[in-house]
Amino acid sequence: MTVYVEYLPQQTTTATRSLLWADSPAEMRQFALQLEVACVPWLQTTTISEAQRRRAILMGAIPVHTNPLQPDPAGVAA
């Protein structure tokens, strides 16, 4: 299962919502259940809070850049 979450640099961690997405709706549903967040059954994305974003990363979600203008720090997928 591959699930991705927006990477937010330290200076932007005051953001209140982040995007979480998966390769398929089934993967999204399964991860959302584990993360205990609501998601639309046929969509592959959902928005989550900052606390949920941090928990998703601890659960294995891959932080990725959604803003190509931000520098890519070491260890974060592009």
PDB file of N, CA and C in Angstrom:
ATOM      1  N   MET A   1       0.853  -1.170   0.000  1.00  0.00           N
ATOM      2  CA  MET A   1       0.000   0.000   0.000  1.00  0.00           C
ATOM      3  C   MET A   1       0.903   1.239   0.000  1.00  0.00           C
ATOM      4  N   THR A   2       0.652   2.158  -0.939  1.00  0.00           N
ATOM      5  CA  THR A   2       1.399   3.402  -0.981  1.00  0.00           C
ATOM      6  C   THR A   2       0.451   4.569  -0.778  1.00  0.00           C
ATOM      7  N   VAL A   3       0.725   5.339   0.251  1.00  0.00           N
ATOM      8  CA  VAL A   3      -0.072   6.515   0.569  1.00  0.00           C
ATOM      9  C   VAL A   3       0.888   7.690   0.678  1.00  0.00           C
ATOM     10  N   TYR A   4       0.454   8.836   0.174  1.00  0.00           N
ATOM     11  CA  TYR A   4       1.290  10.033   0.148  1.00  0.00           C
ATOM     12  C   TYR A   4       0.617  11.142   0.948  1.00  0.00           C
ATOM     13  N   VAL A   5       1.450  12.036   1.492  1.00  0.00           N
ATOM     14  CA  VAL A   5       0.937  13.184   2.223  1.00  0.00           C
ATOM     15  C   VAL A   5       1.802  14.381   1.845  1.00  0.00           C
ATOM     16  N   GLU A   6       1.176  15.554   1.795  1.00  0.00           N
ATOM     17  CA  GLU A   6       1.916  16.764   1.472  1.00  0.00           C
ATOM     18  C   GLU A   6       3.060  16.970   2.456  1.00  0.00           C
ATOM     19  N   TYR A   7       4.227  17.296   1.924  1.00  0.00           N
ATOM     20  CA  TYR A   7       5.353  17.673   2.755  1.00  0.00           C
ATOM     21  C   TYR A   7       5.221  19.153   3.064  1.00  0.00           C
ATOM     22  N   LEU A   8       5.285  19.510   4.333  1.00  0.00           N
ATOM     23  CA  LEU A   8       5.221  20.908   4.731  1.00  0.00           C
ATOM     24  C   LEU A   8       6.508  21.269   5.452  1.00  0.00           C
ATOM     25  N   PRO A   9       7.299  22.190   4.906  1.00  0.00           N
ATOM     26  CA  PRO A   9       8.527  22.591   5.583  1.00  0.00           C
ATOM     27  C   PRO A   9       8.228  23.180   6.958  1.00  0.00           C
ATOM     28  N   GLN A  10       9.216  23.188   7.829  1.00  0.00           N
ATOM     29  CA  GLN A  10       9.042  23.681   9.197  1.00  0.00           C
ATOM     30  C   GLN A  10       8.362  25.041   9.258  1.00  0.00           C
ATOM     31  N   GLN A  11       8.717  25.965   8.374  1.00  0.00           N
ATOM     32  CA  GLN A  11       8.150  27.308   8.441  1.00  0.00           C
ATOM     33  C   GLN A  11       6.673  27.345   8.048  1.00  0.00           C
ATOM     34  N   THR A  12       6.135  26.268   7.466  1.00  0.00           N
ATOM     35  CA  THR A  12       4.722  26.279   7.076  1.00  0.00           C
ATOM     36  C   THR A  12       3.881  25.300   7.891  1.00  0.00           C
ATOM     37  N   THR A  13       4.382  24.805   8.991  1.00  0.00           N
ATOM     38  CA  THR A  13       3.617  23.819   9.761  1.00  0.00           C
ATOM     39  C   THR A  13       2.443  24.420  10.512  1.00  0.00           C
ATOM     40  N   THR A  14       2.197  25.715  10.325  1.00  0.00           N
ATOM     41  CA  THR A  14       1.001  26.309  10.908  1.00  0.00           C
ATOM     42  C   THR A  14      -0.211  26.083  10.003  1.00  0.00           C
ATOM     43  N   ALA A  15       0.006  25.452   8.845  1.00  0.00           N
ATOM     44  CA  ALA A  15      -1.101  25.133   7.946  1.00  0.00           C
ATOM     45  C   ALA A  15      -2.093  24.252   8.690  1.00  0.00           C
ATOM     46  N   THR A  16      -3.362  24.451   8.422  1.00  0.00           N
ATOM     47  CA  THR A  16      -4.370  23.692   9.156  1.00  0.00           C
ATOM     48  C   THR A  16      -4.797  22.424   8.429  1.00  0.00           C
ATOM     49  N   ARG A  17      -4.599  22.345   7.115  1.00  0.00           N
ATOM     50  CA  ARG A  17      -5.030  21.170   6.364  1.00  0.00           C
ATOM     51  C   ARG A  17      -3.956  20.743   5.382  1.00  0.00           C
ATOM     52  N   SER A  18      -3.836  19.447   5.170  1.00  0.00           N
ATOM     53  CA  SER A  18      -2.917  18.871   4.198  1.00  0.00           C
ATOM     54  C   SER A  18      -3.678  17.864   3.351  1.00  0.00           C
ATOM     55  N   LEU A  19      -3.123  17.557   2.201  1.00  0.00           N
ATOM     56  CA  LEU A  19      -3.728  16.579   1.307  1.00  0.00           C
ATOM     57  C   LEU A  19      -3.097  15.218   1.533  1.00  0.00           C
ATOM     58  N   LEU A  20      -3.923  14.200   1.629  1.00  0.00           N
ATOM     59  CA  LEU A  20      -3.492  12.816   1.754  1.00  0.00           C
ATOM     60  C   LEU A  20      -4.077  12.074   0.575  1.00  0.00           C
ATOM     61  N   TRP A  21      -3.276  11.270  -0.126  1.00  0.00           N
ATOM     62  CA  TRP A  21      -3.804  10.531  -1.266  1.00  0.00           C
ATOM     63  C   TRP A  21      -3.118   9.185  -1.406  1.00  0.00           C
ATOM     64  N   ALA A  22      -3.727   8.298  -2.188  1.00  0.00           N
ATOM     65  CA  ALA A  22      -3.214   6.939  -2.394  1.00  0.00           C
ATOM     66  C   ALA A  22      -3.313   6.574  -3.869  1.00  0.00           C
ATOM     67  N   ASP A  23      -2.708   5.441  -4.223  1.00  0.00           N
ATOM     68  CA  ASP A  23      -2.714   4.982  -5.610  1.00  0.00           C
ATOM     69  C   ASP A  23      -4.086   4.479  -6.062  1.00  0.00           C
ATOM     70  N   SER A  24      -4.920   4.068  -5.124  1.00  0.00           N
ATOM     71  CA  SER A  24      -6.250   3.575  -5.479  1.00  0.00           C
ATOM     72  C   SER A  24      -7.247   3.938  -4.386  1.00  0.00           C
ATOM     73  N   PRO A  25      -8.539   3.977  -4.734  1.00  0.00           N
ATOM     74  CA  PRO A  25      -9.557   4.251  -3.712  1.00  0.00           C
ATOM     75  C   PRO A  25      -9.541   3.222  -2.577  1.00  0.00           C
ATOM     76  N   ALA A  26      -9.274   1.955  -2.907  1.00  0.00           N
ATOM     77  CA  ALA A  26      -9.247   0.917  -1.875  1.00  0.00           C
ATOM     78  C   ALA A  26      -8.121   1.173  -0.876  1.00  0.00           C
ATOM     79  N   GLU A  27      -6.947   1.557  -1.373  1.00  0.00           N
ATOM     80  CA  GLU A  27      -5.837   1.879  -0.483  1.00  0.00           C
ATOM     81  C   GLU A  27      -6.157   3.094   0.377  1.00  0.00           C
ATOM     82  N   MET A  28      -6.809   4.076  -0.226  1.00  0.00           N
ATOM     83  CA  MET A  28      -7.181   5.275   0.519  1.00  0.00           C
ATOM     84  C   MET A  28      -8.136   4.931   1.650  1.00  0.00           C
ATOM     85  N   ARG A  29      -9.149   4.121   1.352  1.00  0.00           N
ATOM     86  CA  ARG A  29     -10.125   3.716   2.380  1.00  0.00           C
ATOM     87  C   ARG A  29      -9.435   2.977   3.522  1.00  0.00           C
ATOM     88  N   GLN A  30      -8.554   2.031   3.182  1.00  0.00           N
ATOM     89  CA  GLN A  30      -7.889   1.231   4.198  1.00  0.00           C
ATOM     90  C   GLN A  30      -7.014   2.107   5.099  1.00  0.00           C
ATOM     91  N   PHE A  31      -6.244   3.003   4.504  1.00  0.00           N
ATOM     92  CA  PHE A  31      -5.374   3.872   5.297  1.00  0.00           C
ATOM     93  C   PHE A  31      -6.201   4.852   6.124  1.00  0.00           C
ATOM     94  N   ALA A  32      -7.253   5.397   5.534  1.00  0.00           N
ATOM     95  CA  ALA A  32      -8.112   6.343   6.255  1.00  0.00           C
ATOM     96  C   ALA A  32      -8.753   5.677   7.474  1.00  0.00           C
ATOM     97  N   LEU A  33      -9.142   4.426   7.338  1.00  0.00           N
ATOM     98  CA  LEU A  33      -9.694   3.703   8.485  1.00  0.00           C
ATOM     99  C   LEU A  33      -8.657   3.563   9.589  1.00  0.00           C
ATOM    100  N   GLN A  34      -7.423   3.221   9.224  1.00  0.00           N
ATOM    101  CA  GLN A  34      -6.351   3.078  10.209  1.00  0.00           C
ATOM    102  C   GLN A  34      -6.020   4.420  10.856  1.00  0.00           C
ATOM    103  N   LEU A  35      -6.074   5.488  10.055  1.00  0.00           N
ATOM    104  CA  LEU A  35      -5.772   6.830  10.548  1.00  0.00           C
ATOM    105  C   LEU A  35      -6.964   7.440  11.283  1.00  0.00           C
ATOM    106  N   GLU A  36      -8.123   6.814  11.118  1.00  0.00           N
ATOM    107  CA  GLU A  36      -9.378   7.255  11.727  1.00  0.00           C
ATOM    108  C   GLU A  36      -9.819   8.623  11.210  1.00  0.00           C
ATOM    109  N   VAL A  37      -9.781   8.766   9.879  1.00  0.00           N
ATOM    110  CA  VAL A  37     -10.289   9.971   9.223  1.00  0.00           C
ATOM    111  C   VAL A  37     -11.345   9.562   8.206  1.00  0.00           C
ATOM    112  N   ALA A  38     -12.253  10.472   7.943  1.00  0.00           N
ATOM    113  CA  ALA A  38     -13.308  10.215   6.969  1.00  0.00           C
ATOM    114  C   ALA A  38     -12.764  10.409   5.554  1.00  0.00           C
ATOM    115  N   CYS A  39     -13.257   9.596   4.643  1.00  0.00           N
ATOM    116  CA  CYS A  39     -12.918   9.791   3.237  1.00  0.00           C
ATOM    117  C   CYS A  39     -14.100   9.327   2.400  1.00  0.00           C
ATOM    118  N   VAL A  40     -14.205   9.905   1.205  1.00  0.00           N
ATOM    119  CA  VAL A  40     -15.257   9.517   0.271  1.00  0.00           C
ATOM    120  C   VAL A  40     -14.831   8.195  -0.360  1.00  0.00           C
ATOM    121  N   PRO A  41     -15.683   7.160  -0.334  1.00  0.00           N
ATOM    122  CA  PRO A  41     -15.289   5.818  -0.762  1.00  0.00           C
ATOM    123  C   PRO A  41     -14.703   5.713  -2.172  1.00  0.00           C
ATOM    124  N   TRP A  42     -15.112   6.552  -3.099  1.00  0.00           N
ATOM    125  CA  TRP A  42     -14.645   6.401  -4.476  1.00  0.00           C
ATOM    126  C   TRP A  42     -13.503   7.353  -4.830  1.00  0.00           C
ATOM    127  N   LEU A  43     -13.050   8.165  -3.873  1.00  0.00           N
ATOM    128  CA  LEU A  43     -11.955   9.089  -4.141  1.00  0.00           C
ATOM    129  C   LEU A  43     -10.635   8.549  -3.609  1.00  0.00           C
ATOM    130  N   GLN A  44      -9.558   9.037  -4.173  1.00  0.00           N
ATOM    131  CA  GLN A  44      -8.228   8.621  -3.753  1.00  0.00           C
ATOM    132  C   GLN A  44      -7.547   9.697  -2.918  1.00  0.00           C
ATOM    133  N   THR A  45      -8.288  10.761  -2.539  1.00  0.00           N
ATOM    134  CA  THR A  45      -7.706  11.846  -1.749  1.00  0.00           C
ATOM    135  C   THR A  45      -8.639  12.248  -0.612  1.00  0.00           C
ATOM    136  N   THR A  46      -8.058  12.875   0.393  1.00  0.00           N
ATOM    137  CA  THR A  46      -8.825  13.490   1.467  1.00  0.00           C
ATOM    138  C   THR A  46      -7.939  14.550   2.116  1.00  0.00           C
ATOM    139  N   THR A  47      -8.539  15.479   2.808  1.00  0.00           N
ATOM    140  CA  THR A  47      -7.752  16.480   3.519  1.00  0.00           C
ATOM    141  C   THR A  47      -7.679  16.084   4.988  1.00  0.00           C
ATOM    142  N   ILE A  48      -6.537  16.378   5.604  1.00  0.00           N
ATOM    143  CA  ILE A  48      -6.325  16.008   6.996  1.00  0.00           C
ATOM    144  C   ILE A  48      -5.704  17.182   7.750  1.00  0.00           C
ATOM    145  N   SER A  49      -5.813  17.132   9.055  1.00  0.00           N
ATOM    146  CA  SER A  49      -5.243  18.184   9.911  1.00  0.00           C
ATOM    147  C   SER A  49      -3.735  17.972  10.058  1.00  0.00           C
ATOM    148  N   GLU A  50      -3.069  18.949  10.644  1.00  0.00           N
ATOM    149  CA  GLU A  50      -1.622  18.846  10.868  1.00  0.00           C
ATOM    150  C   GLU A  50      -1.287  17.661  11.769  1.00  0.00           C
ATOM    151  N   ALA A  51      -2.055  17.467  12.817  1.00  0.00           N
ATOM    152  CA  ALA A  51      -1.805  16.333  13.716  1.00  0.00           C
ATOM    153  C   ALA A  51      -1.995  15.007  12.980  1.00  0.00           C
ATOM    154  N   GLN A  52      -3.015  14.919  12.134  1.00  0.00           N
ATOM    155  CA  GLN A  52      -3.251  13.707  11.359  1.00  0.00           C
ATOM    156  C   GLN A  52      -2.144  13.500  10.329  1.00  0.00           C
ATOM    157  N   ARG A  53      -1.620  14.596   9.752  1.00  0.00           N
ATOM    158  CA  ARG A  53      -0.521  14.494   8.796  1.00  0.00           C
ATOM    159  C   ARG A  53       0.701  13.879   9.465  1.00  0.00           C
ATOM    160  N   ARG A  54       1.016  14.350  10.656  1.00  0.00           N
ATOM    161  CA  ARG A  54       2.165  13.805  11.382  1.00  0.00           C
ATOM    162  C   ARG A  54       1.959  12.330  11.709  1.00  0.00           C
ATOM    163  N   ARG A  55       0.749  11.981  12.131  1.00  0.00           N
ATOM    164  CA  ARG A  55       0.450  10.584  12.447  1.00  0.00           C
ATOM    165  C   ARG A  55       0.510   9.712  11.204  1.00  0.00           C
ATOM    166  N   ALA A  56       0.028  10.242  10.063  1.00  0.00           N
ATOM    167  CA  ALA A  56       0.070   9.488   8.806  1.00  0.00           C
ATOM    168  C   ALA A  56       1.508   9.166   8.418  1.00  0.00           C
ATOM    169  N   ILE A  57       2.410  10.121   8.611  1.00  0.00           N
ATOM    170  CA  ILE A  57       3.823   9.888   8.295  1.00  0.00           C
ATOM    171  C   ILE A  57       4.385   8.797   9.205  1.00  0.00           C
ATOM    172  N   LEU A  58       4.038   8.839  10.478  1.00  0.00           N
ATOM    173  CA  LEU A  58       4.490   7.798  11.399  1.00  0.00           C
ATOM    174  C   LEU A  58       3.938   6.428  11.012  1.00  0.00           C
ATOM    175  N   MET A  59       2.762   6.412  10.380  1.00  0.00           N
ATOM    176  CA  MET A  59       2.140   5.162   9.947  1.00  0.00           C
ATOM    177  C   MET A  59       2.682   4.683   8.601  1.00  0.00           C
ATOM    178  N   GLY A  60       3.540   5.484   7.962  1.00  0.00           N
ATOM    179  CA  GLY A  60       4.151   5.037   6.711  1.00  0.00           C
ATOM    180  C   GLY A  60       3.808   5.838   5.481  1.00  0.00           C
ATOM    181  N   ALA A  61       2.993   6.877   5.601  1.00  0.00           N
ATOM    182  CA  ALA A  61       2.691   7.712   4.435  1.00  0.00           C
ATOM    183  C   ALA A  61       3.972   8.421   3.994  1.00  0.00           C
ATOM    184  N   ILE A  62       4.129   8.577   2.708  1.00  0.00           N
ATOM    185  CA  ILE A  62       5.327   9.182   2.141  1.00  0.00           C
ATOM    186  C   ILE A  62       5.103  10.678   1.963  1.00  0.00           C
ATOM    187  N   PRO A  63       5.898  11.533   2.640  1.00  0.00           N
ATOM    188  CA  PRO A  63       5.744  12.972   2.441  1.00  0.00           C
ATOM    189  C   PRO A  63       6.332  13.385   1.093  1.00  0.00           C
ATOM    190  N   VAL A  64       5.555  14.089   0.288  1.00  0.00           N
ATOM    191  CA  VAL A  64       6.013  14.533  -1.032  1.00  0.00           C
ATOM    192  C   VAL A  64       5.726  16.019  -1.201  1.00  0.00           C
ATOM    193  N   HIS A  65       6.506  16.640  -2.077  1.00  0.00           N
ATOM    194  CA  HIS A  65       6.314  18.056  -2.378  1.00  0.00           C
ATOM    195  C   HIS A  65       5.158  18.223  -3.358  1.00  0.00           C
ATOM    196  N   THR A  66       4.281  19.139  -3.057  1.00  0.00           N
ATOM    197  CA  THR A  66       3.221  19.482  -4.007  1.00  0.00           C
ATOM    198  C   THR A  66       3.468  20.865  -4.584  1.00  0.00           C
ATOM    199  N   ASN A  67       4.479  21.574  -4.060  1.00  0.00           N
ATOM    200  CA  ASN A  67       4.847  22.890  -4.558  1.00  0.00           C
ATOM    201  C   ASN A  67       6.248  22.799  -5.151  1.00  0.00           C
ATOM    202  N   PRO A  68       6.374  22.807  -6.474  1.00  0.00           N
ATOM    203  CA  PRO A  68       7.690  22.624  -7.095  1.00  0.00           C
ATOM    204  C   PRO A  68       8.653  23.783  -6.824  1.00  0.00           C
ATOM    205  N   LEU A  69       8.180  24.913  -6.299  1.00  0.00           N
ATOM    206  CA  LEU A  69       9.048  26.044  -6.031  1.00  0.00           C
ATOM    207  C   LEU A  69       9.805  25.898  -4.709  1.00  0.00           C
ATOM    208  N   GLN A  70       9.362  24.967  -3.854  1.00  0.00           N
ATOM    209  CA  GLN A  70      10.049  24.744  -2.587  1.00  0.00           C
ATOM    210  C   GLN A  70      11.293  23.903  -2.837  1.00  0.00           C
ATOM    211  N   PRO A  71      12.387  24.167  -2.132  1.00  0.00           N
ATOM    212  CA  PRO A  71      13.570  23.326  -2.279  1.00  0.00           C
ATOM    213  C   PRO A  71      13.289  21.923  -1.765  1.00  0.00           C
ATOM    214  N   ASP A  72      13.916  20.941  -2.363  1.00  0.00           N
ATOM    215  CA  ASP A  72      13.706  19.542  -1.988  1.00  0.00           C
ATOM    216  C   ASP A  72      14.736  19.121  -0.950  1.00  0.00           C
ATOM    217  N   PRO A  73      14.352  19.008   0.327  1.00  0.00           N
ATOM    218  CA  PRO A  73      15.318  18.588   1.347  1.00  0.00           C
ATOM    219  C   PRO A  73      15.681  17.108   1.190  1.00  0.00           C
ATOM    220  N   ALA A  74      16.823  16.728   1.688  1.00  0.00           N
ATOM    221  CA  ALA A  74      17.251  15.341   1.606  1.00  0.00           C
ATOM    222  C   ALA A  74      16.252  14.442   2.330  1.00  0.00           C
ATOM    223  N   GLY A  75      15.960  13.308   1.739  1.00  0.00           N
ATOM    224  CA  GLY A  75      15.090  12.327   2.369  1.00  0.00           C
ATOM    225  C   GLY A  75      13.614  12.480   2.076  1.00  0.00           C
ATOM    226  N   VAL A  76      13.221  13.444   1.280  1.00  0.00           N
ATOM    227  CA  VAL A  76      11.801  13.624   0.948  1.00  0.00           C
ATOM    228  C   VAL A  76      11.632  13.360  -0.530  1.00  0.00           C
ATOM    229  N   ALA A  77      10.699  12.493  -0.872  1.00  0.00           N
ATOM    230  CA  ALA A  77      10.455  12.164  -2.279  1.00  0.00           C
ATOM    231  C   ALA A  77       9.994  13.387  -3.044  1.00  0.00           C
ATOM    232  N   ALA A  78      10.385  13.467  -4.281  1.00  0.00           N
ATOM    233  CA  ALA A  78       9.982  14.608  -5.125  1.00  0.00           C
ATOM    234  C   ALA A  78       8.774  14.260  -5.947  1.00  0.00           C
TER     235      ALA A  78
END
